[in-house]
Amino acid sequence: MEGLIGSIIIGMLAGLFANKVMNKKSDGCWWNLLLGIVGGFFGGWVFDLLHITWGGIMGQLGTAIVGAVLILWIAAHLKK
């Protein structure tokens, strides 16, 4: 159960930080959670392609933030 709760907290924080980095207004807790979780998977995939590994909780959070920022950046450019 700790893994699930930790993943939820990391996802929420990653989504919140990604919104702040991209100067975007937060769309709420659920959006931050979804953005952070999807960002974690996307960031992990990108880092795997680049052969970059981070360890621990800070590595998971950093990976999720990078992935979420990339998702927001791609979405912003697709809207143009």
PDB file of N, CA and C in Angstrom:
ATOM      1  N   MET A   1       0.820  -1.205   0.000  1.00  0.00           N
ATOM      2  CA  MET A   1       0.000   0.000   0.000  1.00  0.00           C
ATOM      3  C   MET A   1       0.859   1.263   0.000  1.00  0.00           C
ATOM      4  N   GLU A   2       2.032   1.210   0.631  1.00  0.00           N
ATOM      5  CA  GLU A   2       2.898   2.376   0.658  1.00  0.00           C
ATOM      6  C   GLU A   2       3.335   2.775  -0.744  1.00  0.00           C
ATOM      7  N   GLY A   3       3.554   1.814  -1.620  1.00  0.00           N
ATOM      8  CA  GLY A   3       3.967   2.108  -2.989  1.00  0.00           C
ATOM      9  C   GLY A   3       2.899   2.871  -3.744  1.00  0.00           C
ATOM     10  N   LEU A   4       1.645   2.479  -3.571  1.00  0.00           N
ATOM     11  CA  LEU A   4       0.543   3.159  -4.249  1.00  0.00           C
ATOM     12  C   LEU A   4       0.383   4.582  -3.726  1.00  0.00           C
ATOM     13  N   ILE A   5       0.410   4.736  -2.423  1.00  0.00           N
ATOM     14  CA  ILE A   5       0.264   6.070  -1.833  1.00  0.00           C
ATOM     15  C   ILE A   5       1.444   6.951  -2.226  1.00  0.00           C
ATOM     16  N   GLY A   6       2.649   6.392  -2.216  1.00  0.00           N
ATOM     17  CA  GLY A   6       3.828   7.147  -2.633  1.00  0.00           C
ATOM     18  C   GLY A   6       3.735   7.579  -4.077  1.00  0.00           C
ATOM     19  N   SER A   7       3.243   6.687  -4.946  1.00  0.00           N
ATOM     20  CA  SER A   7       3.091   7.023  -6.364  1.00  0.00           C
ATOM     21  C   SER A   7       2.067   8.131  -6.561  1.00  0.00           C
ATOM     22  N   ILE A   8       0.998   8.102  -5.797  1.00  0.00           N
ATOM     23  CA  ILE A   8      -0.022   9.148  -5.885  1.00  0.00           C
ATOM     24  C   ILE A   8       0.558  10.492  -5.452  1.00  0.00           C
ATOM     25  N   ILE A   9       1.301  10.494  -4.359  1.00  0.00           N
ATOM     26  CA  ILE A   9       1.896  11.742  -3.872  1.00  0.00           C
ATOM     27  C   ILE A   9       2.915  12.272  -4.873  1.00  0.00           C
ATOM     28  N   ILE A  10       3.769  11.384  -5.392  1.00  0.00           N
ATOM     29  CA  ILE A  10       4.759  11.803  -6.389  1.00  0.00           C
ATOM     30  C   ILE A  10       4.057  12.336  -7.640  1.00  0.00           C
ATOM     31  N   GLY A  11       2.993  11.674  -8.082  1.00  0.00           N
ATOM     32  CA  GLY A  11       2.246  12.127  -9.247  1.00  0.00           C
ATOM     33  C   GLY A  11       1.652  13.503  -9.046  1.00  0.00           C
ATOM     34  N   MET A  12       1.057  13.741  -7.883  1.00  0.00           N
ATOM     35  CA  MET A  12       0.467  15.053  -7.596  1.00  0.00           C
ATOM     36  C   MET A  12       1.536  16.141  -7.572  1.00  0.00           C
ATOM     37  N   LEU A  13       2.656  15.864  -6.906  1.00  0.00           N
ATOM     38  CA  LEU A  13       3.731  16.847  -6.841  1.00  0.00           C
ATOM     39  C   LEU A  13       4.322  17.120  -8.219  1.00  0.00           C
ATOM     40  N   ALA A  14       4.516  16.075  -8.992  1.00  0.00           N
ATOM     41  CA  ALA A  14       5.088  16.242 -10.332  1.00  0.00           C
ATOM     42  C   ALA A  14       4.167  17.078 -11.217  1.00  0.00           C
ATOM     43  N   GLY A  15       2.879  16.811 -11.183  1.00  0.00           N
ATOM     44  CA  GLY A  15       1.922  17.597 -11.968  1.00  0.00           C
ATOM     45  C   GLY A  15       1.897  19.049 -11.531  1.00  0.00           C
ATOM     46  N   LEU A  16       1.940  19.286 -10.225  1.00  0.00           N
ATOM     47  CA  LEU A  16       1.945  20.645  -9.699  1.00  0.00           C
ATOM     48  C   LEU A  16       3.205  21.389 -10.127  1.00  0.00           C
ATOM     49  N   PHE A  17       4.373  20.755  -9.962  1.00  0.00           N
ATOM     50  CA  PHE A  17       5.630  21.389 -10.351  1.00  0.00           C
ATOM     51  C   PHE A  17       5.690  21.634 -11.852  1.00  0.00           C
ATOM     52  N   ALA A  18       5.205  20.695 -12.645  1.00  0.00           N
ATOM     53  CA  ALA A  18       5.220  20.862 -14.103  1.00  0.00           C
ATOM     54  C   ALA A  18       4.362  22.053 -14.516  1.00  0.00           C
ATOM     55  N   ASN A  19       3.207  22.205 -13.888  1.00  0.00           N
ATOM     56  CA  ASN A  19       2.357  23.369 -14.179  1.00  0.00           C
ATOM     57  C   ASN A  19       3.069  24.663 -13.821  1.00  0.00           C
ATOM     58  N   LYS A  20       3.797  24.677 -12.701  1.00  0.00           N
ATOM     59  CA  LYS A  20       4.533  25.876 -12.283  1.00  0.00           C
ATOM     60  C   LYS A  20       5.672  26.171 -13.250  1.00  0.00           C
ATOM     61  N   VAL A  21       6.404  25.142 -13.669  1.00  0.00           N
ATOM     62  CA  VAL A  21       7.522  25.328 -14.601  1.00  0.00           C
ATOM     63  C   VAL A  21       7.030  25.900 -15.926  1.00  0.00           C
ATOM     64  N   MET A  22       5.880  25.419 -16.387  1.00  0.00           N
ATOM     65  CA  MET A  22       5.343  25.873 -17.676  1.00  0.00           C
ATOM     66  C   MET A  22       4.467  27.122 -17.538  1.00  0.00           C
ATOM     67  N   ASN A  23       4.440  27.734 -16.337  1.00  0.00           N
ATOM     68  CA  ASN A  23       3.627  28.927 -16.068  1.00  0.00           C
ATOM     69  C   ASN A  23       2.171  28.713 -16.456  1.00  0.00           C
ATOM     70  N   LYS A  24       1.665  27.549 -16.148  1.00  0.00           N
ATOM     71  CA  LYS A  24       0.290  27.194 -16.470  1.00  0.00           C
ATOM     72  C   LYS A  24      -0.510  27.127 -15.175  1.00  0.00           C
ATOM     73  N   LYS A  25      -1.713  27.625 -15.211  1.00  0.00           N
ATOM     74  CA  LYS A  25      -2.586  27.537 -14.046  1.00  0.00           C
ATOM     75  C   LYS A  25      -2.960  26.072 -13.823  1.00  0.00           C
ATOM     76  N   SER A  26      -2.901  25.644 -12.586  1.00  0.00           N
ATOM     77  CA  SER A  26      -3.247  24.269 -12.257  1.00  0.00           C
ATOM     78  C   SER A  26      -4.734  24.029 -12.519  1.00  0.00           C
ATOM     79  N   ASP A  27      -5.039  22.879 -13.085  1.00  0.00           N
ATOM     80  CA  ASP A  27      -6.429  22.529 -13.375  1.00  0.00           C
ATOM     81  C   ASP A  27      -7.049  21.660 -12.292  1.00  0.00           C
ATOM     82  N   GLY A  28      -6.375  21.552 -11.169  1.00  0.00           N
ATOM     83  CA  GLY A  28      -6.929  20.803 -10.051  1.00  0.00           C
ATOM     84  C   GLY A  28      -6.099  19.593  -9.685  1.00  0.00           C
ATOM     85  N   CYS A  29      -6.449  19.044  -8.545  1.00  0.00           N
ATOM     86  CA  CYS A  29      -5.708  17.931  -7.964  1.00  0.00           C
ATOM     87  C   CYS A  29      -5.720  16.696  -8.859  1.00  0.00           C
ATOM     88  N   TRP A  30      -6.872  16.360  -9.406  1.00  0.00           N
ATOM     89  CA  TRP A  30      -6.975  15.160 -10.246  1.00  0.00           C
ATOM     90  C   TRP A  30      -6.174  15.310 -11.528  1.00  0.00           C
ATOM     91  N   TRP A  31      -6.187  16.505 -12.117  1.00  0.00           N
ATOM     92  CA  TRP A  31      -5.402  16.746 -13.327  1.00  0.00           C
ATOM     93  C   TRP A  31      -3.911  16.644 -13.017  1.00  0.00           C
ATOM     94  N   ASN A  32      -3.486  17.230 -11.886  1.00  0.00           N
ATOM     95  CA  ASN A  32      -2.085  17.137 -11.492  1.00  0.00           C
ATOM     96  C   ASN A  32      -1.671  15.680 -11.294  1.00  0.00           C
ATOM     97  N   LEU A  33      -2.538  14.902 -10.662  1.00  0.00           N
ATOM     98  CA  LEU A  33      -2.255  13.479 -10.440  1.00  0.00           C
ATOM     99  C   LEU A  33      -2.105  12.746 -11.762  1.00  0.00           C
ATOM    100  N   LEU A  34      -3.057  12.942 -12.660  1.00  0.00           N
ATOM    101  CA  LEU A  34      -3.002  12.276 -13.964  1.00  0.00           C
ATOM    102  C   LEU A  34      -1.779  12.719 -14.753  1.00  0.00           C
ATOM    103  N   LEU A  35      -1.511  14.009 -14.780  1.00  0.00           N
ATOM    104  CA  LEU A  35      -0.353  14.542 -15.489  1.00  0.00           C
ATOM    105  C   LEU A  35       0.938  13.976 -14.917  1.00  0.00           C
ATOM    106  N   GLY A  36       1.038  13.907 -13.597  1.00  0.00           N
ATOM    107  CA  GLY A  36       2.238  13.386 -12.954  1.00  0.00           C
ATOM    108  C   GLY A  36       2.456  11.906 -13.220  1.00  0.00           C
ATOM    109  N   ILE A  37       1.391  11.115 -13.186  1.00  0.00           N
ATOM    110  CA  ILE A  37       1.521   9.676 -13.429  1.00  0.00           C
ATOM    111  C   ILE A  37       1.887   9.409 -14.882  1.00  0.00           C
ATOM    112  N   VAL A  38       1.184  10.046 -15.809  1.00  0.00           N
ATOM    113  CA  VAL A  38       1.512   9.878 -17.224  1.00  0.00           C
ATOM    114  C   VAL A  38       2.906  10.437 -17.502  1.00  0.00           C
ATOM    115  N   GLY A  39       3.231  11.544 -16.862  1.00  0.00           N
ATOM    116  CA  GLY A  39       4.562  12.126 -17.010  1.00  0.00           C
ATOM    117  C   GLY A  39       5.652  11.196 -16.508  1.00  0.00           C
ATOM    118  N   GLY A  40       5.364  10.454 -15.447  1.00  0.00           N
ATOM    119  CA  GLY A  40       6.328   9.490 -14.934  1.00  0.00           C
ATOM    120  C   GLY A  40       6.619   8.396 -15.943  1.00  0.00           C
ATOM    121  N   PHE A  41       5.578   7.880 -16.563  1.00  0.00           N
ATOM    122  CA  PHE A  41       5.771   6.854 -17.591  1.00  0.00           C
ATOM    123  C   PHE A  41       6.503   7.423 -18.806  1.00  0.00           C
ATOM    124  N   PHE A  42       6.073   8.617 -19.247  1.00  0.00           N
ATOM    125  CA  PHE A  42       6.686   9.234 -20.425  1.00  0.00           C
ATOM    126  C   PHE A  42       8.141   9.604 -20.139  1.00  0.00           C
ATOM    127  N   GLY A  43       8.382  10.205 -18.976  1.00  0.00           N
ATOM    128  CA  GLY A  43       9.746  10.565 -18.602  1.00  0.00           C
ATOM    129  C   GLY A  43      10.639   9.343 -18.473  1.00  0.00           C
ATOM    130  N   GLY A  44      10.104   8.269 -17.906  1.00  0.00           N
ATOM    131  CA  GLY A  44      10.861   7.027 -17.805  1.00  0.00           C
ATOM    132  C   GLY A  44      11.214   6.468 -19.170  1.00  0.00           C
ATOM    133  N   TRP A  45      10.281   6.554 -20.092  1.00  0.00           N
ATOM    134  CA  TRP A  45      10.518   6.070 -21.458  1.00  0.00           C
ATOM    135  C   TRP A  45      11.602   6.909 -22.143  1.00  0.00           C
ATOM    136  N   VAL A  46      11.508   8.245 -22.010  1.00  0.00           N
ATOM    137  CA  VAL A  46      12.492   9.132 -22.626  1.00  0.00           C
ATOM    138  C   VAL A  46      13.872   8.897 -22.011  1.00  0.00           C
ATOM    139  N   PHE A  47      13.936   8.816 -20.678  1.00  0.00           N
ATOM    140  CA  PHE A  47      15.223   8.596 -20.021  1.00  0.00           C
ATOM    141  C   PHE A  47      15.811   7.242 -20.379  1.00  0.00           C
ATOM    142  N   ASP A  48      14.957   6.249 -20.560  1.00  0.00           N
ATOM    143  CA  ASP A  48      15.438   4.928 -20.973  1.00  0.00           C
ATOM    144  C   ASP A  48      16.059   5.005 -22.362  1.00  0.00           C
ATOM    145  N   LEU A  49      15.441   5.758 -23.266  1.00  0.00           N
ATOM    146  CA  LEU A  49      16.008   5.941 -24.607  1.00  0.00           C
ATOM    147  C   LEU A  49      17.370   6.619 -24.554  1.00  0.00           C
ATOM    148  N   LEU A  50      17.528   7.545 -23.599  1.00  0.00           N
ATOM    149  CA  LEU A  50      18.770   8.294 -23.461  1.00  0.00           C
ATOM    150  C   LEU A  50      19.767   7.615 -22.520  1.00  0.00           C
ATOM    151  N   HIS A  51      19.392   6.458 -21.993  1.00  0.00           N
ATOM    152  CA  HIS A  51      20.225   5.694 -21.051  1.00  0.00           C
ATOM    153  C   HIS A  51      20.562   6.498 -19.798  1.00  0.00           C
ATOM    154  N   ILE A  52      19.577   7.221 -19.283  1.00  0.00           N
ATOM    155  CA  ILE A  52      19.723   7.995 -18.058  1.00  0.00           C
ATOM    156  C   ILE A  52      18.945   7.281 -16.958  1.00  0.00           C
ATOM    157  N   THR A  53      19.588   7.104 -15.809  1.00  0.00           N
ATOM    158  CA  THR A  53      18.898   6.490 -14.679  1.00  0.00           C
ATOM    159  C   THR A  53      19.064   7.372 -13.446  1.00  0.00           C
ATOM    160  N   TRP A  54      17.987   7.530 -12.724  1.00  0.00           N
ATOM    161  CA  TRP A  54      17.993   8.230 -11.445  1.00  0.00           C
ATOM    162  C   TRP A  54      17.492   7.244 -10.416  1.00  0.00           C
ATOM    163  N   GLY A  55      17.981   7.337  -9.218  1.00  0.00           N
ATOM    164  CA  GLY A  55      17.539   6.421  -8.182  1.00  0.00           C
ATOM    165  C   GLY A  55      16.768   7.118  -7.076  1.00  0.00           C
ATOM    166  N   GLY A  56      16.022   6.343  -6.358  1.00  0.00           N
ATOM    167  CA  GLY A  56      15.316   6.834  -5.183  1.00  0.00           C
ATOM    168  C   GLY A  56      14.072   7.636  -5.494  1.00  0.00           C
ATOM    169  N   ILE A  57      13.512   8.182  -4.440  1.00  0.00           N
ATOM    170  CA  ILE A  57      12.275   8.956  -4.546  1.00  0.00           C
ATOM    171  C   ILE A  57      12.501  10.239  -5.340  1.00  0.00           C
ATOM    172  N   MET A  58      13.641  10.885  -5.113  1.00  0.00           N
ATOM    173  CA  MET A  58      13.926  12.126  -5.843  1.00  0.00           C
ATOM    174  C   MET A  58      14.092  11.843  -7.337  1.00  0.00           C
ATOM    175  N   GLY A  59      14.650  10.705  -7.676  1.00  0.00           N
ATOM    176  CA  GLY A  59      14.772  10.325  -9.075  1.00  0.00           C
ATOM    177  C   GLY A  59      13.420  10.085  -9.712  1.00  0.00           C
ATOM    178  N   GLN A  60      12.515   9.440  -8.969  1.00  0.00           N
ATOM    179  CA  GLN A  60      11.157   9.208  -9.472  1.00  0.00           C
ATOM    180  C   GLN A  60      10.440  10.531  -9.665  1.00  0.00           C
ATOM    181  N   LEU A  61      10.579  11.415  -8.696  1.00  0.00           N
ATOM    182  CA  LEU A  61       9.926  12.721  -8.792  1.00  0.00           C
ATOM    183  C   LEU A  61      10.505  13.520  -9.958  1.00  0.00           C
ATOM    184  N   GLY A  62      11.827  13.534 -10.091  1.00  0.00           N
ATOM    185  CA  GLY A  62      12.462  14.256 -11.188  1.00  0.00           C
ATOM    186  C   GLY A  62      12.054  13.720 -12.549  1.00  0.00           C
ATOM    187  N   THR A  63      11.998  12.399 -12.671  1.00  0.00           N
ATOM    188  CA  THR A  63      11.587  11.779 -13.923  1.00  0.00           C
ATOM    189  C   THR A  63      10.149  12.154 -14.263  1.00  0.00           C
ATOM    190  N   ALA A  64       9.271  12.112 -13.262  1.00  0.00           N
ATOM    191  CA  ALA A  64       7.863  12.452 -13.491  1.00  0.00           C
ATOM    192  C   ALA A  64       7.707  13.927 -13.854  1.00  0.00           C
ATOM    193  N   ILE A  65       8.488  14.800 -13.217  1.00  0.00           N
ATOM    194  CA  ILE A  65       8.408  16.225 -13.535  1.00  0.00           C
ATOM    195  C   ILE A  65       8.876  16.478 -14.966  1.00  0.00           C
ATOM    196  N   VAL A  66      10.001  15.892 -15.342  1.00  0.00           N
ATOM    197  CA  VAL A  66      10.516  16.077 -16.703  1.00  0.00           C
ATOM    198  C   VAL A  66       9.504  15.561 -17.722  1.00  0.00           C
ATOM    199  N   GLY A  67       8.940  14.384 -17.470  1.00  0.00           N
ATOM    200  CA  GLY A  67       7.946  13.829 -18.385  1.00  0.00           C
ATOM    201  C   GLY A  67       6.706  14.695 -18.479  1.00  0.00           C
ATOM    202  N   ALA A  68       6.229  15.201 -17.341  1.00  0.00           N
ATOM    203  CA  ALA A  68       5.030  16.045 -17.339  1.00  0.00           C
ATOM    204  C   ALA A  68       5.289  17.366 -18.048  1.00  0.00           C
ATOM    205  N   VAL A  69       6.470  17.947 -17.854  1.00  0.00           N
ATOM    206  CA  VAL A  69       6.818  19.190 -18.549  1.00  0.00           C
ATOM    207  C   VAL A  69       6.865  18.945 -20.056  1.00  0.00           C
ATOM    208  N   LEU A  70       7.449  17.827 -20.463  1.00  0.00           N
ATOM    209  CA  LEU A  70       7.484  17.503 -21.893  1.00  0.00           C
ATOM    210  C   LEU A  70       6.075  17.344 -22.459  1.00  0.00           C
ATOM    211  N   ILE A  71       5.195  16.713 -21.715  1.00  0.00           N
ATOM    212  CA  ILE A  71       3.806  16.542 -22.169  1.00  0.00           C
ATOM    213  C   ILE A  71       3.129  17.900 -22.322  1.00  0.00           C
ATOM    214  N   LEU A  72       3.290  18.780 -21.330  1.00  0.00           N
ATOM    215  CA  LEU A  72       2.683  20.111 -21.418  1.00  0.00           C
ATOM    216  C   LEU A  72       3.279  20.918 -22.568  1.00  0.00           C
ATOM    217  N   TRP A  73       4.576  20.795 -22.790  1.00  0.00           N
ATOM    218  CA  TRP A  73       5.237  21.505 -23.880  1.00  0.00           C
ATOM    219  C   TRP A  73       4.719  21.022 -25.232  1.00  0.00           C
ATOM    220  N   ILE A  74       4.620  19.716 -25.390  1.00  0.00           N
ATOM    221  CA  ILE A  74       4.100  19.151 -26.655  1.00  0.00           C
ATOM    222  C   ILE A  74       2.652  19.585 -26.867  1.00  0.00           C
ATOM    223  N   ALA A  75       1.847  19.537 -25.808  1.00  0.00           N
ATOM    224  CA  ALA A  75       0.435  19.929 -25.925  1.00  0.00           C
ATOM    225  C   ALA A  75       0.310  21.394 -26.307  1.00  0.00           C
ATOM    226  N   ALA A  76       1.152  22.249 -25.741  1.00  0.00           N
ATOM    227  CA  ALA A  76       1.096  23.678 -26.060  1.00  0.00           C
ATOM    228  C   ALA A  76       1.463  23.929 -27.511  1.00  0.00           C
ATOM    229  N   HIS A  77       2.415  23.165 -28.032  1.00  0.00           N
ATOM    230  CA  HIS A  77       2.818  23.351 -29.422  1.00  0.00           C
ATOM    231  C   HIS A  77       1.825  22.740 -30.407  1.00  0.00           C
ATOM    232  N   LEU A  78       1.096  21.731 -29.991  1.00  0.00           N
ATOM    233  CA  LEU A  78       0.081  21.141 -30.854  1.00  0.00           C
ATOM    234  C   LEU A  78      -1.159  22.033 -30.960  1.00  0.00           C
ATOM    235  N   LYS A  79      -1.399  22.859 -29.937  1.00  0.00           N
ATOM    236  CA  LYS A  79      -2.550  23.751 -29.949  1.00  0.00           C
ATOM    237  C   LYS A  79      -2.367  24.939 -30.888  1.00  0.00           C
ATOM    238  N   LYS A  80      -1.123  25.248 -31.222  1.00  0.00           N
ATOM    239  CA  LYS A  80      -0.843  26.426 -32.071  1.00  0.00           C
ATOM    240  C   LYS A  80      -1.231  26.197 -33.491  1.00  0.00           C
TER     241      LYS A  80
END
